[in-house]
Amino acid sequence: TSSHTRVGILNNPSSKIKEDNTVIARGILAAFLTQTNSNLKSFLSKLTKEETAKSLAAGTKIVKFLIPGMDGDTFEKKYNTLGLDLIKTHQMFCQEVLKLLPGQMAVISNGR
């Protein structure tokens, strides 16, 4: 509700990290790294819908869900080159530093 709010995402998957089960996570990370705030918010809203997840799981390419105004070329390049190591690093941080169990969710406010 505030223009002074910052949002970040850390992935803490419960299953083995593979390309086919990280489509949404990689899409979110690629969007955070390449898009403006207004486009990011709209894209994330679209990407986190259940029907979108089902469609992606069925093999639909993520670029089909880009919204008007997004820099599609930059997004696609980042998405295609974003390795699984970043998600593995997130997972390690969540489990080693934050002491979360695999797949456990948490909200951190004001860095705490």
Protein backbone atom coordinates (compact mmCIF):
# COMPACT_ATOMS: atom_id res chain seq x y z
CA THR A 1 0.00 0.00 0.00
CA SER A 2 3.02 2.27 0.13
CA SER A 3 5.43 3.42 -2.52
CA HIS A 4 8.14 2.95 0.11
CA THR A 5 7.58 -0.79 0.48
CA ARG A 6 10.17 -3.17 -0.87
CA VAL A 7 9.47 -6.76 -1.77
CA GLY A 8 11.96 -9.52 -2.32
CA ILE A 9 11.60 -13.22 -2.95
CA LEU A 10 13.70 -16.11 -1.69
CA ASN A 11 12.99 -19.58 -3.00
CA ASN A 12 12.92 -22.47 -0.54
CA PRO A 13 11.77 -25.47 -2.59
CA SER A 14 10.96 -28.78 -0.94
CA SER A 15 11.79 -30.91 -3.97
CA LYS A 16 14.88 -31.45 -6.08
CA ILE A 17 15.60 -28.31 -8.13
CA LYS A 18 15.19 -28.94 -11.87
CA GLU A 19 14.38 -26.74 -14.85
CA ASP A 20 10.90 -28.18 -15.29
CA ASN A 21 9.82 -27.51 -11.69
CA THR A 22 11.28 -24.00 -11.39
CA VAL A 23 9.51 -22.26 -14.26
CA ILE A 24 7.55 -19.88 -12.04
CA ALA A 25 10.46 -19.24 -9.65
CA ARG A 26 12.78 -18.43 -12.56
CA GLY A 27 10.08 -16.26 -14.15
CA ILE A 28 9.68 -14.28 -10.93
CA LEU A 29 13.44 -13.81 -10.56
CA ALA A 30 13.87 -12.81 -14.21
CA ALA A 31 11.04 -10.28 -13.87
CA PHE A 32 12.55 -8.78 -10.71
CA LEU A 33 15.86 -8.38 -12.52
CA THR A 34 14.54 -6.89 -15.77
CA GLN A 35 11.23 -5.08 -15.36
CA THR A 36 9.93 -1.78 -14.00
CA ASN A 37 7.89 -1.81 -10.80
CA SER A 38 4.51 -1.28 -12.48
CA ASN A 39 5.10 -4.06 -15.03
CA LEU A 40 6.55 -6.31 -12.36
CA LYS A 41 3.47 -6.05 -10.16
CA SER A 42 1.08 -6.85 -13.02
CA PHE A 43 3.22 -9.73 -14.29
CA LEU A 44 3.58 -11.27 -10.83
CA SER A 45 -0.17 -11.07 -10.31
CA LYS A 46 -0.68 -12.93 -13.57
CA LEU A 47 2.11 -15.44 -12.95
CA THR A 48 0.87 -16.48 -9.51
CA LYS A 49 -2.62 -17.47 -10.64
CA GLU A 50 -3.47 -21.16 -10.40
CA GLU A 51 -4.56 -21.42 -14.04
CA THR A 52 -1.21 -19.93 -15.12
CA ALA A 53 0.67 -22.49 -13.03
CA LYS A 54 -1.35 -25.31 -14.57
CA SER A 55 -0.73 -24.00 -18.07
CA LEU A 56 3.02 -23.69 -17.45
CA ALA A 57 3.11 -27.20 -15.98
CA ALA A 58 1.41 -28.44 -19.15
CA GLY A 59 4.22 -26.98 -21.25
CA THR A 60 3.07 -23.48 -22.20
CA LYS A 61 6.06 -21.18 -22.64
CA ILE A 62 6.34 -18.42 -20.03
CA VAL A 63 6.66 -15.69 -22.68
CA LYS A 64 2.98 -16.27 -23.50
CA PHE A 65 2.14 -14.63 -20.17
CA LEU A 66 4.12 -11.42 -20.65
CA ILE A 67 2.01 -8.30 -20.29
CA PRO A 68 1.96 -5.27 -22.61
CA GLY A 69 4.71 -2.84 -21.72
CA MET A 70 7.16 -5.47 -20.51
CA ASP A 71 10.59 -5.63 -22.11
CA GLY A 72 10.01 -9.11 -23.49
CA ASP A 73 13.41 -9.55 -25.12
CA THR A 74 15.32 -8.65 -21.97
CA PHE A 75 13.04 -10.82 -19.85
CA GLU A 76 13.37 -13.81 -22.15
CA LYS A 77 17.16 -13.52 -22.35
CA LYS A 78 17.46 -13.35 -18.54
CA TYR A 79 14.94 -16.18 -18.06
CA ASN A 80 16.79 -18.45 -20.49
CA THR A 81 20.20 -17.78 -18.94
CA LEU A 82 19.14 -17.83 -15.28
CA GLY A 83 20.73 -20.96 -13.93
CA LEU A 84 19.47 -23.19 -11.19
CA ASP A 85 22.42 -22.21 -8.98
CA LEU A 86 20.66 -19.02 -7.89
CA ILE A 87 17.64 -20.99 -6.67
CA LYS A 88 19.97 -23.46 -4.92
CA THR A 89 21.69 -20.52 -3.23
CA HIS A 90 18.31 -19.20 -2.07
CA GLN A 91 17.45 -22.64 -0.75
CA MET A 92 20.73 -22.89 1.17
CA PHE A 93 20.27 -19.41 2.68
CA CYS A 94 16.71 -20.22 3.76
CA GLN A 95 17.72 -23.47 5.40
CA GLU A 96 21.16 -22.60 6.82
CA VAL A 97 20.70 -18.97 7.84
CA LEU A 98 16.95 -18.58 8.35
CA LYS A 99 16.64 -22.14 9.71
CA LEU A 100 13.58 -22.92 7.58
CA LEU A 101 12.67 -26.48 6.73
CA PRO A 102 12.57 -27.38 3.01
CA GLY A 103 9.44 -25.80 1.53
CA GLN A 104 8.64 -23.83 4.69
CA MET A 105 7.41 -20.28 4.08
CA ALA A 106 8.18 -17.17 6.08
CA VAL A 107 7.67 -13.43 5.92
CA ILE A 108 10.56 -11.23 6.94
CA SER A 109 9.67 -7.65 7.77
CA ASN A 110 12.20 -4.87 8.04
CA GLY A 111 14.99 -7.38 7.66
CA ARG A 112 13.93 -9.36 10.72
